Amino acid sequence: ADLTDLTAGNAPRARALRTSLQRLADDRAPDDPLREMAREVLAGRIGLREATRIPAYAEALGQRAAQGLREYDRLSPHERAEQEAAAHRFLEEQSAEIDREHH
């Protein structure tokens, strides 16, 4: 599945999104709707935008997003800064990996 259209052509972000989907596809319980959604998107049977319009997937995504926000709200400002720095490092790593593959 090509995810660059969802990331405005940003290849490192598209790769990070693919990694997240792969993690959902591999690490969730067999009956978890997010696992099913990730597998369908990665297989190219459905687009991610389309998947968000399917009620079961939308509900599961909403619940996971709410959980993530609650967890984020509990972080101290220092922990938030650490999370942001880690995210930037991860995107830089994705970019470097893409560069290595193309050279």
N, C-alpha and C. Protein backbone atom coordinates (compact mmCIF):
# COMPACT_ATOMS: atom_id res chain seq x y z
N ALA A 1 0.84 -1.18 0.00
CA ALA A 1 0.00 0.00 0.00
C ALA A 1 0.88 1.23 0.00
N ASP A 2 0.58 2.15 -0.90
CA ASP A 2 1.32 3.41 -0.98
C ASP A 2 0.69 4.39 0.00
N LEU A 3 1.47 4.83 0.95
CA LEU A 3 0.97 5.72 2.00
C LEU A 3 1.48 7.14 1.85
N THR A 4 2.26 7.41 0.79
CA THR A 4 2.82 8.75 0.65
C THR A 4 1.76 9.81 0.38
N ASP A 5 0.63 9.42 -0.20
CA ASP A 5 -0.44 10.40 -0.42
C ASP A 5 -1.00 10.90 0.91
N LEU A 6 -0.93 10.10 1.95
CA LEU A 6 -1.43 10.50 3.26
C LEU A 6 -0.43 11.36 4.02
N THR A 7 0.81 11.38 3.55
CA THR A 7 1.86 12.13 4.25
C THR A 7 2.39 13.27 3.40
N ALA A 8 1.60 13.71 2.44
CA ALA A 8 1.97 14.81 1.54
C ALA A 8 3.33 14.53 0.87
N GLY A 9 3.55 13.27 0.52
CA GLY A 9 4.78 12.89 -0.16
C GLY A 9 5.99 12.76 0.73
N ASN A 10 5.81 12.87 2.02
CA ASN A 10 6.93 12.77 2.97
C ASN A 10 7.27 11.30 3.17
N ALA A 11 8.33 10.85 2.50
CA ALA A 11 8.69 9.42 2.53
C ALA A 11 9.02 8.91 3.94
N PRO A 12 9.78 9.65 4.76
CA PRO A 12 10.04 9.14 6.11
C PRO A 12 8.76 8.96 6.93
N ARG A 13 7.83 9.89 6.79
CA ARG A 13 6.56 9.75 7.53
C ARG A 13 5.74 8.59 6.98
N ALA A 14 5.76 8.41 5.67
CA ALA A 14 5.04 7.27 5.08
C ALA A 14 5.63 5.96 5.58
N ARG A 15 6.95 5.91 5.67
CA ARG A 15 7.60 4.69 6.17
C ARG A 15 7.24 4.47 7.64
N ALA A 16 7.21 5.54 8.43
CA ALA A 16 6.83 5.42 9.84
C ALA A 16 5.39 4.94 9.97
N LEU A 17 4.52 5.45 9.11
CA LEU A 17 3.12 5.01 9.11
C LEU A 17 3.03 3.53 8.77
N ARG A 18 3.79 3.11 7.76
CA ARG A 18 3.80 1.69 7.38
C ARG A 18 4.31 0.84 8.55
N THR A 19 5.35 1.31 9.24
CA THR A 19 5.88 0.58 10.40
C THR A 19 4.83 0.46 11.48
N SER A 20 4.09 1.53 11.71
CA SER A 20 3.02 1.49 12.72
C SER A 20 1.93 0.51 12.33
N LEU A 21 1.56 0.52 11.06
CA LEU A 21 0.55 -0.42 10.59
C LEU A 21 1.05 -1.86 10.72
N GLN A 22 2.32 -2.06 10.41
CA GLN A 22 2.89 -3.41 10.52
C GLN A 22 2.87 -3.87 11.97
N ARG A 23 3.17 -2.96 12.89
CA ARG A 23 3.14 -3.29 14.32
C ARG A 23 1.71 -3.67 14.73
N LEU A 24 0.73 -2.91 14.25
CA LEU A 24 -0.67 -3.24 14.56
C LEU A 24 -1.03 -4.61 13.99
N ALA A 25 -0.59 -4.88 12.78
CA ALA A 25 -0.92 -6.15 12.12
C ALA A 25 -0.29 -7.34 12.83
N ASP A 26 0.88 -7.11 13.43
CA ASP A 26 1.63 -8.21 14.04
C ASP A 26 1.36 -8.39 15.53
N ASP A 27 1.12 -7.29 16.23
CA ASP A 27 1.14 -7.33 17.70
C ASP A 27 -0.22 -7.31 18.38
N ARG A 28 -1.28 -7.09 17.65
CA ARG A 28 -2.60 -7.00 18.28
C ARG A 28 -3.22 -8.39 18.39
N ALA A 29 -4.21 -8.51 19.25
CA ALA A 29 -4.94 -9.77 19.41
C ALA A 29 -5.62 -10.14 18.09
N PRO A 30 -5.77 -11.44 17.81
CA PRO A 30 -6.37 -11.87 16.55
C PRO A 30 -7.75 -11.28 16.27
N ASP A 31 -8.53 -11.00 17.30
CA ASP A 31 -9.88 -10.47 17.08
C ASP A 31 -9.93 -8.95 17.17
N ASP A 32 -8.79 -8.29 17.24
CA ASP A 32 -8.73 -6.83 17.35
C ASP A 32 -9.03 -6.20 15.99
N PRO A 33 -10.01 -5.30 15.91
CA PRO A 33 -10.32 -4.66 14.63
C PRO A 33 -9.14 -3.88 14.05
N LEU A 34 -8.26 -3.33 14.90
CA LEU A 34 -7.11 -2.59 14.37
C LEU A 34 -6.12 -3.52 13.67
N ARG A 35 -6.01 -4.75 14.15
CA ARG A 35 -5.16 -5.73 13.48
C ARG A 35 -5.71 -6.03 12.09
N GLU A 36 -7.00 -6.29 12.05
CA GLU A 36 -7.64 -6.58 10.76
C GLU A 36 -7.49 -5.40 9.81
N MET A 37 -7.75 -4.18 10.30
CA MET A 37 -7.65 -2.99 9.48
C MET A 37 -6.23 -2.84 8.93
N ALA A 38 -5.23 -2.98 9.80
CA ALA A 38 -3.84 -2.83 9.37
C ALA A 38 -3.49 -3.86 8.30
N ARG A 39 -3.92 -5.08 8.48
CA ARG A 39 -3.62 -6.12 7.49
C ARG A 39 -4.30 -5.82 6.15
N GLU A 40 -5.52 -5.34 6.20
CA GLU A 40 -6.23 -5.00 4.96
C GLU A 40 -5.54 -3.85 4.23
N VAL A 41 -5.11 -2.84 4.98
CA VAL A 41 -4.42 -1.69 4.37
C VAL A 41 -3.08 -2.13 3.80
N LEU A 42 -2.30 -2.86 4.58
CA LEU A 42 -0.98 -3.29 4.11
C LEU A 42 -1.07 -4.19 2.89
N ALA A 43 -2.12 -4.98 2.80
CA ALA A 43 -2.31 -5.87 1.65
C ALA A 43 -2.83 -5.12 0.43
N GLY A 44 -3.22 -3.86 0.62
CA GLY A 44 -3.72 -3.07 -0.50
C GLY A 44 -5.18 -3.33 -0.84
N ARG A 45 -5.88 -4.05 0.03
CA ARG A 45 -7.30 -4.35 -0.24
C ARG A 45 -8.20 -3.16 0.10
N ILE A 46 -7.67 -2.24 0.89
CA ILE A 46 -8.43 -1.07 1.30
C ILE A 46 -7.43 0.05 1.58
N GLY A 47 -7.83 1.27 1.30
CA GLY A 47 -6.98 2.41 1.63
C GLY A 47 -7.19 2.83 3.07
N LEU A 48 -6.20 3.49 3.65
CA LEU A 48 -6.32 3.90 5.04
C LEU A 48 -7.47 4.90 5.23
N ARG A 49 -7.62 5.82 4.29
CA ARG A 49 -8.74 6.77 4.40
C ARG A 49 -10.08 6.03 4.37
N GLU A 50 -10.19 5.08 3.45
CA GLU A 50 -11.41 4.29 3.36
C GLU A 50 -11.65 3.50 4.64
N ALA A 51 -10.57 2.95 5.20
CA ALA A 51 -10.69 2.16 6.43
C ALA A 51 -11.26 2.98 7.58
N THR A 52 -10.90 4.26 7.63
CA THR A 52 -11.39 5.10 8.73
C THR A 52 -12.89 5.38 8.62
N ARG A 53 -13.47 5.06 7.47
CA ARG A 53 -14.91 5.26 7.29
C ARG A 53 -15.73 4.01 7.63
N ILE A 54 -15.05 2.92 7.92
CA ILE A 54 -15.74 1.68 8.29
C ILE A 54 -16.00 1.74 9.79
N PRO A 55 -17.27 1.65 10.20
CA PRO A 55 -17.61 1.88 11.61
C PRO A 55 -16.78 1.10 12.63
N ALA A 56 -16.56 -0.18 12.42
CA ALA A 56 -15.79 -0.96 13.41
C ALA A 56 -14.36 -0.45 13.53
N TYR A 57 -13.75 -0.10 12.39
CA TYR A 57 -12.39 0.41 12.42
C TYR A 57 -12.36 1.81 13.03
N ALA A 58 -13.32 2.64 12.63
CA ALA A 58 -13.36 4.01 13.15
C ALA A 58 -13.53 4.01 14.67
N GLU A 59 -14.38 3.14 15.18
CA GLU A 59 -14.59 3.06 16.62
C GLU A 59 -13.31 2.62 17.33
N ALA A 60 -12.64 1.60 16.80
CA ALA A 60 -11.40 1.11 17.41
C ALA A 60 -10.31 2.18 17.36
N LEU A 61 -10.22 2.89 16.24
CA LEU A 61 -9.23 3.97 16.13
C LEU A 61 -9.53 5.09 17.12
N GLY A 62 -10.81 5.43 17.25
CA GLY A 62 -11.21 6.47 18.20
C GLY A 62 -10.86 6.09 19.62
N GLN A 63 -11.12 4.85 19.98
CA GLN A 63 -10.79 4.38 21.33
C GLN A 63 -9.29 4.42 21.57
N ARG A 64 -8.51 3.98 20.58
CA ARG A 64 -7.05 3.98 20.73
C ARG A 64 -6.51 5.41 20.80
N ALA A 65 -7.07 6.31 20.00
CA ALA A 65 -6.64 7.71 20.04
C ALA A 65 -6.95 8.33 21.39
N ALA A 66 -8.13 8.05 21.92
CA ALA A 66 -8.51 8.58 23.24
C ALA A 66 -7.57 8.05 24.31
N GLN A 67 -7.23 6.78 24.23
CA GLN A 67 -6.29 6.18 25.19
C GLN A 67 -4.93 6.87 25.08
N GLY A 68 -4.48 7.09 23.86
CA GLY A 68 -3.20 7.75 23.65
C GLY A 68 -3.18 9.16 24.20
N LEU A 69 -4.29 9.89 24.03
CA LEU A 69 -4.37 11.25 24.58
C LEU A 69 -4.35 11.23 26.10
N ARG A 70 -5.03 10.27 26.69
CA ARG A 70 -5.01 10.17 28.16
C ARG A 70 -3.60 9.90 28.65
N GLU A 71 -2.91 9.00 27.97
CA GLU A 71 -1.53 8.70 28.35
C GLU A 71 -0.63 9.92 28.17
N TYR A 72 -0.83 10.66 27.09
CA TYR A 72 -0.04 11.86 26.83
C TYR A 72 -0.30 12.92 27.90
N ASP A 73 -1.55 13.07 28.28
CA ASP A 73 -1.91 14.06 29.30
C ASP A 73 -1.24 13.77 30.64
N ARG A 74 -0.94 12.52 30.91
CA ARG A 74 -0.31 12.15 32.18
C ARG A 74 1.20 12.40 32.18
N LEU A 75 1.78 12.66 31.02
CA LEU A 75 3.22 12.89 30.94
C LEU A 75 3.58 14.27 31.49
N SER A 76 4.74 14.34 32.09
CA SER A 76 5.27 15.64 32.53
C SER A 76 5.78 16.39 31.30
N PRO A 77 5.99 17.70 31.41
CA PRO A 77 6.56 18.44 30.27
C PRO A 77 7.89 17.85 29.80
N HIS A 78 8.71 17.40 30.74
CA HIS A 78 9.99 16.79 30.38
C HIS A 78 9.77 15.49 29.59
N GLU A 79 8.83 14.67 30.04
CA GLU A 79 8.54 13.41 29.33
C GLU A 79 7.98 13.69 27.94
N ARG A 80 7.16 14.73 27.83
CA ARG A 80 6.62 15.10 26.51
C ARG A 80 7.76 15.52 25.57
N ALA A 81 8.69 16.31 26.09
CA ALA A 81 9.83 16.74 25.29
C ALA A 81 10.67 15.54 24.86
N GLU A 82 10.84 14.59 25.76
CA GLU A 82 11.58 13.36 25.42
C GLU A 82 10.87 12.58 24.32
N GLN A 83 9.55 12.47 24.42
CA GLN A 83 8.77 11.77 23.40
C GLN A 83 8.90 12.46 22.04
N GLU A 84 8.83 13.79 22.05
CA GLU A 84 8.95 14.55 20.81
C GLU A 84 10.34 14.35 20.20
N ALA A 85 11.37 14.40 21.02
CA ALA A 85 12.74 14.19 20.53
C ALA A 85 12.89 12.78 19.95
N ALA A 86 12.31 11.80 20.62
CA ALA A 86 12.38 10.42 20.12
C ALA A 86 11.67 10.30 18.78
N ALA A 87 10.55 10.98 18.62
CA ALA A 87 9.81 10.94 17.35
C ALA A 87 10.65 11.57 16.24
N HIS A 88 11.29 12.69 16.53
CA HIS A 88 12.15 13.33 15.53
C HIS A 88 13.32 12.43 15.15
N ARG A 89 13.92 11.78 16.14
CA ARG A 89 15.03 10.86 15.85
C ARG A 89 14.55 9.70 14.98
N PHE A 90 13.36 9.18 15.29
CA PHE A 90 12.82 8.07 14.51
C PHE A 90 12.62 8.49 13.05
N LEU A 91 12.06 9.68 12.82
CA LEU A 91 11.86 10.14 11.44
C LEU A 91 13.20 10.37 10.74
N GLU A 92 14.19 10.87 11.46
CA GLU A 92 15.52 11.03 10.87
C GLU A 92 16.11 9.68 10.50
N GLU A 93 15.91 8.68 11.35
CA GLU A 93 16.39 7.33 11.04
C GLU A 93 15.69 6.77 9.81
N GLN A 94 14.40 7.02 9.69
CA GLN A 94 13.66 6.55 8.52
C GLN A 94 14.20 7.22 7.26
N SER A 95 14.47 8.51 7.34
CA SER A 95 15.01 9.26 6.21
C SER A 95 16.38 8.72 5.81
N ALA A 96 17.24 8.47 6.79
CA ALA A 96 18.57 7.93 6.51
C ALA A 96 18.47 6.54 5.88
N GLU A 97 17.55 5.74 6.34
CA GLU A 97 17.36 4.40 5.78
C GLU A 97 16.92 4.49 4.33
N ILE A 98 16.02 5.41 4.04
CA ILE A 98 15.55 5.61 2.66
C ILE A 98 16.72 6.05 1.79
N ASP A 99 17.53 6.99 2.29
CA ASP A 99 18.69 7.46 1.54
C ASP A 99 19.64 6.31 1.23
N ARG A 100 19.91 5.45 2.22
CA ARG A 100 20.81 4.31 2.00
C ARG A 100 20.26 3.37 0.93
N GLU A 101 18.96 3.19 0.92
CA GLU A 101 18.34 2.28 -0.06
C GLU A 101 18.43 2.82 -1.47
N HIS A 102 18.48 4.13 -1.61
CA HIS A 102 18.47 4.74 -2.93
C HIS A 102 19.87 5.12 -3.42
N HIS A 103 20.88 4.79 -2.64
CA HIS A 103 22.26 5.12 -3.06
C HIS A 103 23.12 3.91 -3.11
